[in-house]
Protein backbone atom coordinates (compact mmCIF):
# COMPACT_ATOMS: atom_id res chain seq x y z
CA MET A 1 0.00 0.00 0.00
CA LEU A 2 1.19 3.52 -0.84
CA VAL A 3 0.77 6.11 1.90
CA LEU A 4 1.38 9.86 1.85
CA ARG A 5 2.96 11.18 5.08
CA PRO A 6 5.02 14.13 6.32
CA ILE A 7 8.72 13.92 5.54
CA ALA A 8 11.14 12.71 8.24
CA GLU A 9 14.84 13.37 8.82
CA THR A 10 15.60 9.84 7.63
CA ASP A 11 14.23 10.76 4.19
CA LEU A 12 17.07 13.18 3.42
CA ALA A 13 19.02 10.75 1.22
CA VAL A 14 16.05 9.92 -0.98
CA LEU A 15 15.08 13.60 -1.17
CA LEU A 16 18.56 14.41 -2.42
CA ARG A 17 18.32 11.58 -4.98
CA PHE A 18 14.97 12.84 -6.24
CA ALA A 19 16.32 16.40 -6.50
CA ALA A 20 19.13 15.16 -8.73
CA ALA A 21 16.75 13.06 -10.84
CA ALA A 22 14.21 15.88 -11.29
CA GLY A 23 16.71 17.84 -13.37
CA VAL A 24 16.89 21.49 -14.36
CA GLY A 25 13.71 23.50 -13.99
CA VAL A 26 12.37 22.07 -10.72
CA THR A 27 13.57 25.08 -8.78
CA SER A 28 12.22 24.05 -5.38
CA LEU A 29 14.43 20.93 -5.38
CA PRO A 30 18.04 22.15 -5.46
CA VAL A 31 20.71 19.47 -5.42
CA ASP A 32 22.11 20.79 -2.15
CA GLU A 33 22.11 18.57 0.92
CA ALA A 34 22.28 21.39 3.46
CA ARG A 35 19.42 23.27 1.79
CA LEU A 36 17.24 20.14 1.64
CA ALA A 37 18.01 19.33 5.27
CA GLN A 38 16.80 22.83 6.17
CA ARG A 39 13.59 22.16 4.25
CA ILE A 40 12.98 18.99 6.25
CA THR A 41 13.44 20.88 9.51
CA ALA A 42 11.17 23.67 8.31
CA SER A 43 8.58 21.09 7.25
CA GLN A 44 8.53 19.47 10.67
CA GLN A 45 8.00 22.88 12.25
CA ALA A 46 5.16 23.62 9.83
CA PHE A 47 3.32 20.35 10.47
CA ALA A 48 3.60 21.05 14.20
CA GLY A 49 1.86 24.38 13.63
CA LEU A 50 4.89 26.35 14.82
CA SER A 51 5.78 28.23 11.62
CA PRO A 52 4.58 31.70 10.61
CA LEU A 53 2.80 31.72 7.26
CA ALA A 54 5.82 33.02 5.33
CA GLU A 55 8.01 30.14 6.57
CA ALA A 56 5.51 27.27 6.44
CA ASP A 57 6.78 24.55 4.08
CA TYR A 58 4.81 21.30 4.21
CA LEU A 59 6.82 18.53 2.55
CA PHE A 60 5.17 15.15 1.97
CA VAL A 61 6.58 11.82 0.85
CA LEU A 62 4.77 8.92 -0.79
CA GLU A 63 5.90 5.66 0.77
CA ASP A 64 5.40 2.14 -0.55
CA GLN A 65 4.89 0.40 2.79
CA THR A 66 5.23 -3.06 1.27
CA ARG A 67 8.76 -2.31 0.06
CA GLN A 68 9.42 0.31 2.78
CA GLN A 69 10.57 2.64 0.04
CA VAL A 70 9.80 6.31 -0.65
CA VAL A 71 8.66 6.71 -4.27
CA GLY A 72 7.55 10.33 -4.47
CA ILE A 73 7.51 13.79 -2.93
CA SER A 74 5.26 16.86 -3.05
CA ALA A 75 4.91 20.05 -1.02
CA ILE A 76 2.83 23.08 -0.12
CA ARG A 77 4.35 26.42 0.78
CA GLY A 78 2.23 28.48 3.17
CA ALA A 79 2.70 31.79 1.36
CA VAL A 80 5.09 33.19 -1.23
CA GLY A 81 6.55 36.65 -1.44
CA LEU A 82 6.25 37.60 2.22
CA ASP A 83 9.91 37.09 3.14
CA ALA A 84 11.35 37.81 -0.32
CA PRO A 85 9.70 39.27 -3.44
CA CYS A 86 7.76 36.83 -5.63
CA TYR A 87 8.06 37.78 -9.29
CA HIS A 88 6.09 36.68 -12.34
CA TYR A 89 5.62 38.10 -15.79
CA ARG A 90 2.04 38.99 -16.68
CA ILE A 91 1.27 38.72 -20.37
CA GLY A 92 -0.62 41.87 -21.36
CA THR A 93 -1.27 44.14 -24.30
CA MET A 94 0.12 47.56 -25.11
CA VAL A 95 -1.64 49.73 -27.68
CA HIS A 96 0.03 52.51 -29.69
CA ALA A 97 -2.23 54.87 -31.57
CA SER A 98 -2.01 58.06 -33.59
CA PRO A 99 -5.46 59.67 -33.95
CA ALA A 100 -3.98 62.29 -36.26
CA LEU A 101 -2.83 59.64 -38.71
CA GLY A 102 -5.70 57.28 -38.01
CA ILE A 103 -3.43 54.32 -37.29
CA TRP A 104 -2.88 52.10 -34.27
CA SER A 105 -1.17 48.87 -33.32
CA GLN A 106 -1.22 46.50 -30.37
CA HIS A 107 1.59 44.35 -29.04
CA GLN A 108 1.72 41.56 -26.50
CA SER A 109 4.12 42.45 -23.72
CA LEU A 110 5.53 41.06 -20.49
CA PHE A 111 4.97 43.10 -17.31
CA LEU A 112 6.98 42.29 -14.18
CA SER A 113 4.49 41.57 -11.40
CA ASN A 114 4.17 40.71 -7.71
CA ASP A 115 0.46 39.95 -8.01
CA TYR A 116 0.64 36.50 -6.40
CA THR A 117 2.31 37.71 -3.22
CA GLY A 118 0.73 36.00 -0.22
CA CYS A 119 -0.64 32.98 -2.11
CA ALA A 120 0.09 29.43 -1.03
CA GLU A 121 2.10 27.42 -3.56
CA LEU A 122 2.09 23.80 -4.69
CA CYS A 123 5.64 22.70 -5.48
CA SER A 124 8.31 19.97 -5.45
CA LEU A 125 6.19 17.28 -7.13
CA TYR A 126 8.26 14.29 -8.20
CA LEU A 127 7.27 10.65 -8.70
CA ASP A 128 9.81 7.88 -9.19
CA PRO A 129 9.70 6.53 -12.77
CA SER A 130 9.25 2.98 -11.43
CA VAL A 131 5.69 3.74 -10.29
CA ARG A 132 4.53 6.17 -12.96
CA GLY A 133 1.50 5.38 -15.09
CA GLN A 134 -0.32 3.61 -12.26
CA GLY A 135 -2.38 6.49 -10.89
CA TRP A 136 -0.11 7.22 -7.93
CA GLY A 137 0.73 10.69 -9.21
CA ALA A 138 -2.88 11.67 -8.50
CA LEU A 139 -2.52 10.54 -4.88
CA LEU A 140 0.78 12.39 -4.55
CA SER A 141 -0.75 15.62 -5.83
CA ARG A 142 -4.38 15.51 -4.67
CA ALA A 143 -3.76 14.27 -1.14
CA ARG A 144 -2.22 17.67 -0.38
CA PHE A 145 -5.67 19.17 -0.85
CA LEU A 146 -7.07 16.95 1.90
CA PHE A 147 -4.47 18.45 4.23
CA ILE A 148 -5.49 21.95 3.13
CA ALA A 149 -9.17 21.09 3.64
CA GLN A 150 -8.52 19.78 7.14
CA PHE A 151 -6.38 22.76 8.17
CA ILE A 152 -7.99 25.43 6.00
CA SER A 153 -7.28 28.19 8.54
CA ARG A 154 -3.53 27.76 7.95
CA PHE A 155 -3.78 28.71 4.28
CA PRO A 156 -4.48 31.93 2.37
CA ALA A 157 -7.40 32.48 0.00
CA ARG A 158 -5.55 31.46 -3.18
CA VAL A 159 -3.13 28.73 -4.19
CA ILE A 160 -0.73 28.88 -7.15
CA SER A 161 1.40 26.34 -8.95
CA GLU A 162 4.37 27.33 -11.11
CA LEU A 163 4.58 24.68 -13.81
CA ARG A 164 7.92 23.76 -15.27
CA GLY A 165 8.60 25.48 -18.58
CA VAL A 166 10.13 24.03 -21.72
CA CYS A 167 13.81 23.14 -21.70
CA ASP A 168 15.82 20.57 -23.64
CA GLY A 169 17.75 17.53 -22.46
CA GLN A 170 20.82 19.68 -21.80
CA GLY A 171 18.86 22.02 -19.54
CA ARG A 172 18.70 24.82 -22.11
CA SER A 173 15.63 27.05 -21.88
CA PRO A 174 14.66 28.89 -25.10
CA PHE A 175 12.85 31.55 -23.07
CA TRP A 176 15.88 32.19 -20.87
CA GLU A 177 18.17 32.31 -23.89
CA GLY A 178 15.86 34.82 -25.58
CA LEU A 179 15.39 37.12 -22.58
CA GLY A 180 17.09 36.40 -19.27
CA ARG A 181 20.60 35.78 -20.58
CA HIS A 182 20.75 39.33 -21.95
CA PHE A 183 20.44 40.75 -18.44
CA PHE A 184 22.21 38.10 -16.39
CA GLN A 185 25.21 36.48 -18.02
CA ILE A 186 24.73 32.90 -16.80
CA ASP A 187 23.03 29.89 -18.35
CA PHE A 188 19.58 28.71 -17.31
CA ALA A 189 20.87 25.81 -15.21
CA GLU A 190 22.88 28.20 -13.05
CA ALA A 191 19.94 30.62 -12.72
CA ASP A 192 17.77 27.67 -11.69
CA ARG A 193 20.37 26.58 -9.13
CA LEU A 194 20.63 30.06 -7.60
CA THR A 195 16.85 30.27 -7.39
CA GLY A 196 16.69 26.91 -5.62
CA LEU A 197 19.23 28.17 -3.10
CA GLY A 198 16.99 31.10 -2.23
CA HIS A 199 18.41 33.78 -4.54
CA LYS A 200 15.39 34.20 -6.83
CA ALA A 201 14.82 37.80 -5.80
CA PHE A 202 18.45 38.68 -6.48
CA VAL A 203 18.30 37.18 -9.97
CA ALA A 204 14.91 38.79 -10.63
CA GLU A 205 16.29 42.21 -9.72
CA MET A 206 18.62 41.94 -12.70
CA MET A 207 15.72 41.37 -15.09
CA PRO A 208 14.08 44.27 -16.99
CA LYS A 209 11.51 46.17 -14.91
CA TYR A 210 9.77 47.79 -17.86
CA PRO A 211 7.42 46.00 -20.27
CA VAL A 212 9.12 43.65 -22.70
CA TYR A 213 7.61 43.47 -26.18
CA LEU A 214 7.22 39.86 -27.27
CA ASP A 215 7.94 40.97 -30.83
CA PHE A 216 11.52 41.64 -29.75
CA LEU A 217 12.09 38.07 -28.53
CA PRO A 218 13.38 35.32 -30.83
CA ALA A 219 10.69 33.14 -32.38
CA GLU A 220 12.00 30.16 -30.38
CA ALA A 221 11.42 32.01 -27.11
CA GLN A 222 7.95 33.20 -28.16
CA ALA A 223 6.97 29.64 -29.11
CA VAL A 224 7.53 28.24 -25.59
CA LEU A 225 5.94 31.10 -23.65
CA ALA A 226 3.30 29.71 -21.24
CA GLN A 227 4.05 26.18 -22.47
CA THR A 228 4.52 23.28 -20.04
CA HIS A 229 7.45 20.88 -20.01
CA PRO A 230 6.42 17.45 -21.41
CA ASP A 231 7.19 15.81 -18.05
CA THR A 232 4.70 18.15 -16.36
CA VAL A 233 1.75 17.86 -18.76
CA LEU A 234 -0.09 15.23 -16.69
CA ALA A 235 0.41 17.23 -13.49
CA GLU A 236 -1.03 20.27 -15.28
CA ALA A 237 -4.08 18.29 -16.43
CA LEU A 238 -4.74 17.14 -12.87
CA LEU A 239 -4.55 20.69 -11.51
CA ARG A 240 -6.88 21.99 -14.21
CA HIS A 241 -9.35 19.26 -13.29
CA GLU A 242 -9.12 20.52 -9.71
CA GLY A 243 -10.16 23.98 -10.89
CA PHE A 244 -6.79 25.68 -11.41
CA VAL A 245 -6.67 28.15 -14.30
CA GLN A 246 -4.02 30.13 -16.16
CA GLN A 247 -4.57 33.88 -15.95
CA GLY A 248 -1.71 35.09 -18.13
CA TYR A 249 1.17 34.80 -15.64
CA VAL A 250 4.43 32.99 -16.43
CA ASP A 251 7.72 32.24 -14.72
CA ILE A 252 10.35 34.91 -15.26
CA PHE A 253 13.08 32.35 -15.99
CA ASP A 254 11.67 29.59 -18.21
CA GLY A 255 8.33 31.13 -19.23
CA GLY A 256 6.33 28.22 -17.81
CA PRO A 257 2.67 28.93 -16.93
CA THR A 258 1.51 29.72 -13.40
CA LEU A 259 -1.90 28.30 -12.47
CA VAL A 260 -4.11 29.65 -9.68
CA ALA A 261 -7.26 28.61 -7.81
CA GLU A 262 -9.38 29.92 -4.97
CA THR A 263 -8.44 27.68 -2.03
CA GLU A 264 -11.97 26.81 -0.93
CA GLN A 265 -13.04 26.13 -4.52
CA ILE A 266 -10.38 23.52 -5.28
CA ARG A 267 -12.40 20.45 -6.19
CA THR A 268 -10.91 18.08 -3.60
CA VAL A 269 -11.09 20.73 -0.87
CA ALA A 270 -14.74 21.49 -1.62
CA ALA A 271 -15.83 17.87 -2.16
CA SER A 272 -14.17 16.26 0.87
CA ARG A 273 -16.22 15.38 3.94
CA CYS A 274 -15.54 13.88 7.37
CA TYR A 275 -17.01 10.48 8.30
CA ARG A 276 -16.81 8.27 11.36
CA LEU A 277 -14.82 5.09 10.80
CA ARG A 278 -16.16 1.59 10.99
CA VAL A 279 -13.55 -1.16 10.60
CA VAL A 280 -14.89 -4.23 8.75
CA GLU A 281 -13.25 -7.51 7.79
CA SER A 282 -14.54 -7.48 4.22
CA LEU A 283 -16.10 -5.10 1.71
CA PRO A 284 -18.76 -5.85 -0.90
CA ALA A 285 -17.99 -5.89 -4.61
CA THR A 286 -19.76 -2.54 -4.84
CA ALA A 287 -17.08 -0.83 -2.72
CA THR A 288 -15.78 2.38 -4.34
CA PRO A 289 -12.24 3.82 -4.44
CA TYR A 290 -11.85 7.02 -2.41
CA LEU A 291 -9.11 9.43 -1.50
CA LEU A 292 -8.81 9.18 2.30
CA SER A 293 -6.86 10.88 5.06
CA ASN A 294 -6.79 11.18 8.81
CA THR A 295 -7.37 14.50 10.53
CA VAL A 296 -4.09 15.11 12.40
CA ASP A 297 -1.21 17.32 11.36
CA GLN A 298 2.13 15.84 12.47
CA GLN A 299 0.91 12.29 11.90
CA PHE A 300 -0.97 13.08 8.70
CA ARG A 301 -1.61 10.07 6.46
CA ALA A 302 -3.46 9.77 3.14
CA VAL A 303 -4.21 6.75 0.98
CA LEU A 304 -6.19 5.69 -2.05
CA ALA A 305 -8.40 2.74 -1.12
CA SER A 306 -11.80 1.10 -1.57
CA ALA A 307 -14.51 1.88 0.97
CA VAL A 308 -18.25 1.95 1.54
CA CYS A 309 -19.73 5.31 2.52
CA HIS A 310 -23.04 5.59 4.33
CA HIS A 311 -23.76 9.24 3.65
CA GLU A 312 -27.02 9.36 5.56
CA ARG A 313 -25.34 8.42 8.85
CA GLU A 314 -21.89 9.86 7.98
CA GLU A 315 -20.01 6.59 8.39
CA ILE A 316 -17.34 4.95 6.27
CA GLU A 317 -16.36 1.29 6.23
CA LEU A 318 -12.68 0.47 5.75
CA MET A 319 -10.61 -2.69 5.90
CA PRO A 320 -8.26 -3.06 8.91
CA SER A 321 -5.15 -2.59 6.76
CA VAL A 322 -6.42 0.76 5.46
CA ALA A 323 -7.41 1.94 8.93
CA ALA A 324 -3.95 0.99 10.18
CA ALA A 325 -2.27 2.86 7.30
CA LEU A 326 -4.26 5.95 8.30
CA LEU A 327 -3.34 5.45 11.98
CA ARG A 328 -7.07 5.37 12.77
CA GLN A 329 -9.22 3.09 14.90
CA GLU A 330 -12.91 2.25 15.13
CA GLY A 331 -14.91 5.42 15.79
CA ASP A 332 -12.20 7.87 14.68
CA ILE A 333 -12.83 10.57 12.08
CA VAL A 334 -11.60 10.13 8.50
CA ARG A 335 -11.65 12.75 5.73
CA VAL A 336 -13.07 11.34 2.49
CA CYS A 337 -13.18 12.57 -1.10
CA PRO A 338 -14.70 10.70 -4.07
CA LEU A 339 -12.41 10.29 -7.04
CA PRO A 340 -13.21 12.40 -10.11
CA ALA A 341 -14.50 10.80 -13.27
CA ARG A 342 -11.71 10.10 -15.72
């Protein structure tokens, strides 16, 4: 059985391995042991409810309990831009007109923005290739929303997700080559590394503050603007199904799209309910798969498992192995969300 849980200090080695495997563009996973160890410590403080919003960093791992092996990671940041500026480019339109001559023109442009300051952020999603294509990515991503639903007072009104932009196998970003390199003489991989080490604001301060006309960028850079890296397409589809939308904001480094949703309107947050647990030795053939979690913070657990819900009396029937994975006993409360239609 695969179980989502808070990260522990003993997970540092696998976190470092995943950071290396994720490659260039996953900024929140720098290949830096000290930095990742700090994230684990910060995560433990956040789950304990001891972190201010700006420092809250909830890091989850997906563990295959049968093999006792961690196969994935995902995270939620409590709020961005409160301790250091959070920059995005907003894609807008500039109009030039001459009434005297009766002519006008409009041009798409990039405007440097801090509009998402204070939003929570989904980040650090990585699933081991050995378990991809089996539906576990949905558990790794969606189970975070059960945590948000249970502890909704800890989170701001909106949640964003910066999706990885297009780059090639050598870590070259066409958008960075067409724009960022002209203002900061390093390659994209180095800019990504500095950002992962907490220097995003410093790098952003070197970028142009005034609107950038897209017409001035190379065609290769224009072509990848607001486009998602092939490895991130499925994650994007899942978020869009949850109600996340793209409102014209992109990452200042690789041009990847930033999605946003109202926290309380995220599908899993809005659809989840709490039920009292009944432990049963067997389930009927009509049992339905659900996304399930317990209701505690430091010992948070989430699984994908079959169950029988009795909505009228707010009870859920689970097998003993599932109850044990959730660290729940007969009569405890379990948070439940039906799976979306494919």
